[in-house]
Structures are given as C-alpha cells and as structure tokens.
C-alpha atoms as a PDB file:
ATOM      1  CA  MET A   1      25.198 -13.093 -14.531  1.00  0.00           C
ATOM      2  CA  SER A   2      21.753 -11.633 -14.622  1.00  0.00           C
ATOM      3  CA  GLU A   3      20.140  -9.353 -17.145  1.00  0.00           C
ATOM      4  CA  GLY A   4      22.235  -6.290 -17.862  1.00  0.00           C
ATOM      5  CA  GLY A   5      25.476  -8.092 -17.010  1.00  0.00           C
ATOM      6  CA  GLN A   6      25.312  -7.565 -13.251  1.00  0.00           C
ATOM      7  CA  ARG A   7      25.811 -10.421 -10.829  1.00  0.00           C
ATOM      8  CA  ARG A   8      23.135 -11.078  -8.238  1.00  0.00           C
ATOM      9  CA  GLY A   9      23.716  -9.084  -5.079  1.00  0.00           C
ATOM     10  CA  ILE A  10      25.790  -6.382  -6.750  1.00  0.00           C
ATOM     11  CA  ARG A  11      24.634  -2.863  -6.042  1.00  0.00           C
ATOM     12  CA  ASN A  12      21.571  -1.864  -7.995  1.00  0.00           C
ATOM     13  CA  ASP A  13      19.518   1.273  -7.462  1.00  0.00           C
ATOM     14  CA  ARG A  14      16.129  -0.255  -8.234  1.00  0.00           C
ATOM     15  CA  PRO A  15      13.814   0.458  -5.267  1.00  0.00           C
ATOM     16  CA  ALA A  16      12.688  -3.159  -4.852  1.00  0.00           C
ATOM     17  CA  GLY A  17      16.277  -4.410  -4.576  1.00  0.00           C
ATOM     18  CA  ARG A  18      17.204  -1.730  -2.102  1.00  0.00           C
ATOM     19  CA  ARG A  19      14.093  -2.475  -0.039  1.00  0.00           C
ATOM     20  CA  SER A  20      14.911  -6.185   0.032  1.00  0.00           C
ATOM     21  CA  VAL A  21      18.315  -5.426   1.518  1.00  0.00           C
ATOM     22  CA  ALA A  22      16.726  -2.969   3.967  1.00  0.00           C
ATOM     23  CA  ARG A  23      14.353  -5.715   5.143  1.00  0.00           C
ATOM     24  CA  LEU A  24      17.236  -8.130   5.764  1.00  0.00           C
ATOM     25  CA  PHE A  25      19.208  -5.467   7.635  1.00  0.00           C
ATOM     26  CA  ALA A  26      16.120  -4.552   9.699  1.00  0.00           C
ATOM     27  CA  VAL A  27      15.757  -8.160  10.863  1.00  0.00           C
ATOM     28  CA  GLN A  28      19.450  -8.198  11.769  1.00  0.00           C
ATOM     29  CA  ALA A  29      19.238  -4.816  13.521  1.00  0.00           C
ATOM     30  CA  LEU A  30      16.308  -5.891  15.670  1.00  0.00           C
ATOM     31  CA  TYR A  31      18.230  -9.028  16.609  1.00  0.00           C
ATOM     32  CA  GLU A  32      21.165  -6.790  17.557  1.00  0.00           C
ATOM     33  CA  ILE A  33      18.904  -4.579  19.683  1.00  0.00           C
ATOM     34  CA  GLU A  34      17.531  -7.575  21.581  1.00  0.00           C
ATOM     35  CA  PHE A  35      20.830  -9.323  22.240  1.00  0.00           C
ATOM     36  CA  GLY A  36      23.207  -6.368  22.262  1.00  0.00           C
ATOM     37  CA  GLY A  37      21.103  -4.181  24.494  1.00  0.00           C
ATOM     38  CA  GLY A  38      21.028  -1.342  21.980  1.00  0.00           C
ATOM     39  CA  VAL A  39      18.207   1.043  21.235  1.00  0.00           C
ATOM     40  CA  ALA A  40      16.563   1.555  17.858  1.00  0.00           C
ATOM     41  CA  GLU A  41      17.929   5.050  17.203  1.00  0.00           C
ATOM     42  CA  ALA A  42      21.522   4.050  17.996  1.00  0.00           C
ATOM     43  CA  VAL A  43      21.347   1.005  15.721  1.00  0.00           C
ATOM     44  CA  ILE A  44      19.799   3.112  12.947  1.00  0.00           C
ATOM     45  CA  ALA A  45      22.547   5.725  13.298  1.00  0.00           C
ATOM     46  CA  ASP A  46      25.236   3.008  13.167  1.00  0.00           C
ATOM     47  CA  PHE A  47      23.630   1.544  10.078  1.00  0.00           C
ATOM     48  CA  ARG A  48      23.500   4.908   8.300  1.00  0.00           C
ATOM     49  CA  ALA A  49      27.126   5.609   9.196  1.00  0.00           C
ATOM     50  CA  HIS A  50      28.719   2.223   8.550  1.00  0.00           C
ATOM     51  CA  ARG A  51      26.534  -0.554   7.208  1.00  0.00           C
ATOM     52  CA  GLN A  52      24.293   0.853   4.500  1.00  0.00           C
ATOM     53  CA  SER A  53      26.078  -1.267   1.904  1.00  0.00           C
ATOM     54  CA  GLU A  54      27.747  -4.396   3.150  1.00  0.00           C
ATOM     55  CA  GLU A  55      29.411  -7.586   2.027  1.00  0.00           C
ATOM     56  CA  ILE A  56      27.791 -10.787   3.302  1.00  0.00           C
ATOM     57  CA  GLU A  57      29.536 -14.131   2.798  1.00  0.00           C
ATOM     58  CA  GLY A  58      31.750 -12.659   0.088  1.00  0.00           C
ATOM     59  CA  VAL A  59      28.899 -11.107  -1.915  1.00  0.00           C
ATOM     60  CA  GLN A  60      28.600  -7.347  -2.149  1.00  0.00           C
ATOM     61  CA  MET A  61      25.007  -6.515  -1.261  1.00  0.00           C
ATOM     62  CA  ARG A  62      23.006  -3.866  -3.017  1.00  0.00           C
ATOM     63  CA  GLU A  63      22.801  -0.604  -1.159  1.00  0.00           C
ATOM     64  CA  ALA A  64      19.884  -0.686   1.249  1.00  0.00           C
ATOM     65  CA  ASP A  65      17.042   1.806   1.286  1.00  0.00           C
ATOM     66  CA  ALA A  66      18.007   3.600   4.497  1.00  0.00           C
ATOM     67  CA  ASP A  67      14.593   5.191   5.017  1.00  0.00           C
ATOM     68  CA  TRP A  68      12.798   1.849   4.577  1.00  0.00           C
ATOM     69  CA  PHE A  69      15.224   0.212   7.015  1.00  0.00           C
ATOM     70  CA  SER A  70      14.711   2.977   9.575  1.00  0.00           C
ATOM     71  CA  GLU A  71      10.936   2.824   9.311  1.00  0.00           C
ATOM     72  CA  ILE A  72      10.829  -0.923   9.855  1.00  0.00           C
ATOM     73  CA  VAL A  73      13.203  -0.836  12.832  1.00  0.00           C
ATOM     74  CA  ARG A  74      11.360   2.075  14.484  1.00  0.00           C
ATOM     75  CA  GLY A  75       7.941   0.632  13.687  1.00  0.00           C
ATOM     76  CA  VAL A  76       8.657  -2.819  15.089  1.00  0.00           C
ATOM     77  CA  ALA A  77      10.338  -1.371  18.177  1.00  0.00           C
ATOM     78  CA  LYS A  78       7.442   1.020  18.829  1.00  0.00           C
ATOM     79  CA  ARG A  79       4.589  -1.402  18.063  1.00  0.00           C
ATOM     80  CA  GLN A  80       6.086  -4.705  19.223  1.00  0.00           C
ATOM     81  CA  THR A  81       3.330  -5.486  21.749  1.00  0.00           C
ATOM     82  CA  GLU A  82       0.607  -4.966  19.132  1.00  0.00           C
ATOM     83  CA  ILE A  83       2.583  -6.893  16.499  1.00  0.00           C
ATOM     84  CA  ASP A  84       3.245  -9.807  18.863  1.00  0.00           C
ATOM     85  CA  ALA A  85      -0.455 -10.102  19.707  1.00  0.00           C
ATOM     86  CA  ILE A  86      -1.339 -10.283  16.004  1.00  0.00           C
ATOM     87  CA  ILE A  87       1.347 -12.891  15.327  1.00  0.00           C
ATOM     88  CA  LYS A  88       0.366 -14.997  18.345  1.00  0.00           C
ATOM     89  CA  ASP A  89      -3.244 -15.069  17.101  1.00  0.00           C
ATOM     90  CA  ALA A  90      -1.956 -16.564  13.835  1.00  0.00           C
ATOM     91  CA  MET A  91       0.254 -19.221  15.456  1.00  0.00           C
ATOM     92  CA  PRO A  92      -0.711 -22.757  16.369  1.00  0.00           C
ATOM     93  CA  ARG A  93       0.615 -22.146  19.897  1.00  0.00           C
ATOM     94  CA  PRO A  94       0.741 -18.590  21.301  1.00  0.00           C
ATOM     95  CA  ASP A  95       3.880 -19.326  23.340  1.00  0.00           C
ATOM     96  CA  ALA A  96       5.770 -20.412  20.216  1.00  0.00           C
ATOM     97  CA  LEU A  97       6.743 -16.835  19.317  1.00  0.00           C
ATOM     98  CA  ASP A  98       8.733 -16.382  22.507  1.00  0.00           C
ATOM     99  CA  ARG A  99      10.398 -19.786  22.129  1.00  0.00           C
ATOM    100  CA  MET A 100      11.531 -19.570  18.500  1.00  0.00           C
ATOM    101  CA  GLU A 101      14.905 -18.423  17.261  1.00  0.00           C
ATOM    102  CA  ALA A 102      15.274 -14.648  17.323  1.00  0.00           C
ATOM    103  CA  ILE A 103      15.963 -14.207  13.596  1.00  0.00           C
ATOM    104  CA  LEU A 104      12.725 -16.037  12.769  1.00  0.00           C
ATOM    105  CA  ARG A 105      10.833 -14.047  15.399  1.00  0.00           C
ATOM    106  CA  TYR A 106      12.085 -10.754  13.956  1.00  0.00           C
ATOM    107  CA  ALA A 107      11.341 -11.784  10.380  1.00  0.00           C
ATOM    108  CA  LEU A 108       7.749 -12.431  11.479  1.00  0.00           C
ATOM    109  CA  ARG A 109       7.599  -9.127  13.367  1.00  0.00           C
ATOM    110  CA  CYS A 110       8.950  -7.148  10.416  1.00  0.00           C
ATOM    111  CA  ALA A 111       6.531  -8.828   8.018  1.00  0.00           C
ATOM    112  CA  ALA A 112       3.596  -8.165  10.335  1.00  0.00           C
ATOM    113  CA  TYR A 113       4.662  -4.533  10.717  1.00  0.00           C
ATOM    114  CA  GLU A 114       4.708  -4.035   6.955  1.00  0.00           C
ATOM    115  CA  ILE A 115       1.311  -5.690   6.595  1.00  0.00           C
ATOM    116  CA  ILE A 116      -0.093  -3.393   9.286  1.00  0.00           C
ATOM    117  CA  ALA A 117       1.604  -0.126   8.408  1.00  0.00           C
ATOM    118  CA  ARG A 118       2.544  -0.256   4.725  1.00  0.00           C
ATOM    119  CA  ILE A 119      -0.716  -0.851   2.915  1.00  0.00           C
ATOM    120  CA  ASP A 120       0.935   0.582  -0.199  1.00  0.00           C
ATOM    121  CA  VAL A 121       2.983  -2.636  -0.442  1.00  0.00           C
ATOM    122  CA  PRO A 122       0.965  -5.658  -1.592  1.00  0.00           C
ATOM    123  CA  ALA A 123       0.657  -8.382   1.033  1.00  0.00           C
ATOM    124  CA  ALA A 124       1.957 -10.939  -1.489  1.00  0.00           C
ATOM    125  CA  THR A 125       5.152  -8.903  -1.836  1.00  0.00           C
ATOM    126  CA  VAL A 126       5.609  -8.757   1.936  1.00  0.00           C
ATOM    127  CA  ILE A 127       5.085 -12.509   2.201  1.00  0.00           C
ATOM    128  CA  ASP A 128       7.586 -13.247  -0.600  1.00  0.00           C
ATOM    129  CA  GLU A 129      10.210 -10.867   0.747  1.00  0.00           C
ATOM    130  CA  TYR A 130      10.221 -12.214   4.292  1.00  0.00           C
ATOM    131  CA  LEU A 131      10.007 -15.841   3.204  1.00  0.00           C
ATOM    132  CA  GLY A 132      13.163 -15.156   1.211  1.00  0.00           C
ATOM    133  CA  ILE A 133      14.866 -13.977   4.392  1.00  0.00           C
ATOM    134  CA  VAL A 134      13.627 -16.997   6.341  1.00  0.00           C
ATOM    135  CA  ARG A 135      14.885 -19.318   3.572  1.00  0.00           C
ATOM    136  CA  ALA A 136      18.356 -17.791   3.912  1.00  0.00           C
ATOM    137  CA  PHE A 137      18.585 -18.844   7.570  1.00  0.00           C
ATOM    138  CA  PHE A 138      16.284 -21.821   8.108  1.00  0.00           C
ATOM    139  CA  GLY A 139      15.066 -25.131   6.785  1.00  0.00           C
ATOM    140  CA  PRO A 140      11.699 -26.382   5.537  1.00  0.00           C
ATOM    141  CA  ARG A 141      10.008 -26.590   8.954  1.00  0.00           C
ATOM    142  CA  GLU A 142      10.630 -22.946   9.819  1.00  0.00           C
ATOM    143  CA  ILE A 143       9.847 -21.800   6.266  1.00  0.00           C
ATOM    144  CA  LYS A 144       6.489 -23.593   6.444  1.00  0.00           C
ATOM    145  CA  LEU A 145       5.737 -22.019   9.835  1.00  0.00           C
ATOM    146  CA  ALA A 146       6.705 -18.530   8.640  1.00  0.00           C
ATOM    147  CA  ASN A 147       4.653 -18.906   5.467  1.00  0.00           C
ATOM    148  CA  GLY A 148       1.603 -19.984   7.448  1.00  0.00           C
ATOM    149  CA  VAL A 149       1.903 -17.217  10.027  1.00  0.00           C
ATOM    150  CA  ILE A 150       2.625 -14.352   7.637  1.00  0.00           C
ATOM    151  CA  ASP A 151      -0.119 -15.544   5.279  1.00  0.00           C
ATOM    152  CA  ALA A 152      -2.633 -15.768   8.150  1.00  0.00           C
ATOM    153  CA  VAL A 153      -1.719 -12.271   9.373  1.00  0.00           C
ATOM    154  CA  ALA A 154      -2.072 -10.872   5.852  1.00  0.00           C
ATOM    155  CA  ARG A 155      -5.406 -12.595   5.225  1.00  0.00           C
ATOM    156  CA  LYS A 156      -6.787 -11.334   8.533  1.00  0.00           C
ATOM    157  CA  LEU A 157      -5.605  -7.733   8.142  1.00  0.00           C
ATOM    158  CA  ARG A 158      -5.966  -7.410   4.356  1.00  0.00           C
ATOM    159  CA  PRO A 159      -8.686  -9.830   3.288  1.00  0.00           C
ATOM    160  CA  GLY A 160      -9.467  -7.822   0.148  1.00  0.00           C
ATOM    161  CA  GLU A 161      -6.082  -8.710  -1.341  1.00  0.00           C
ATOM    162  CA  PHE A 162      -6.877 -12.412  -1.499  1.00  0.00           C
ATOM    163  CA  ALA A 163      -9.272 -14.127  -3.884  1.00  0.00           C
ATOM    164  CA  ALA A 164     -12.239 -15.782  -2.205  1.00  0.00           C
END
C-alpha cells in the first residue's frame, strides 16, 4: 500500500494521477481510431459514457481526466501530419515511424502533441509520463527509442527547459 493507505492504481482525485490515466487512454483511443475505423469525436463520446474509469488486468484504474483525454485525442487527430514530421526529424530513420507498432507510434504522437501544445506542462513530465506508458507495453529497445525521440523533440521545441 502507498501513502495514505491506498493501493497503487486505485481511484485518486489528484490531477497528476488523473492525467496519467488520461494519457494512457488517449494512446489506446488513437489506436482504436486507426484500427477500428472510428473518428475522434465518437471515441471521445464512448470514453465519456463508458470508460472514464476502468479496470485493467484486475487493477482498478484511477478516474481519468476526461478533458485532458479529449484534448490529446483531438489534438493528435487534428495535427497528426505536423506531429509526424516533427517525430520523423527526431528519428534515426524517417520511415521508422510508419513501420513501428501502433501503440508505440501513438505514445510518441501524444508526447509530441503535449510538447507542442501544452507548454504549461514541463517537458520532463511529458517525457516521464509517456516513457511510463511505453514501459508498460514494450521492452528495452523500444523504451530506448522512445526516450531518444521524445527527448529530441522536447529539446528542439523547448530548448530553454534543458540545461546547457
């Protein structure tokens, strides 16, 4: 049990916890849009109606920040071409983005969106949050790639947040 007697993953109303869950759900929603043929607004509506708080692998997740989730999903969907160009510039091979697993691709897209659009969130926080998502699904090779790409995007777009 963690501080305060709550188990990890149990609902907590702290904004950071709710945003973390929203980020995970946004990655999953964008995956669903790509492979299920849905549109952003329909997936957002389904989320708000049915999936705002969910159990994953037997662990009750914290309630997600629905507005944060919606912003990320809409933002990535609307700005995907711009986001992809920024990510490709940070990758060792530009064609790698299109060839990687979709969950990894959407984690990178969501991270890049937040770095671009949410300057109120420190780049280090964005990096940590999305690396946590990548760690949940992938091994060391993909984690290293994601860390390098997200870090490069952040350093290019927010150089003032990094010590010289």
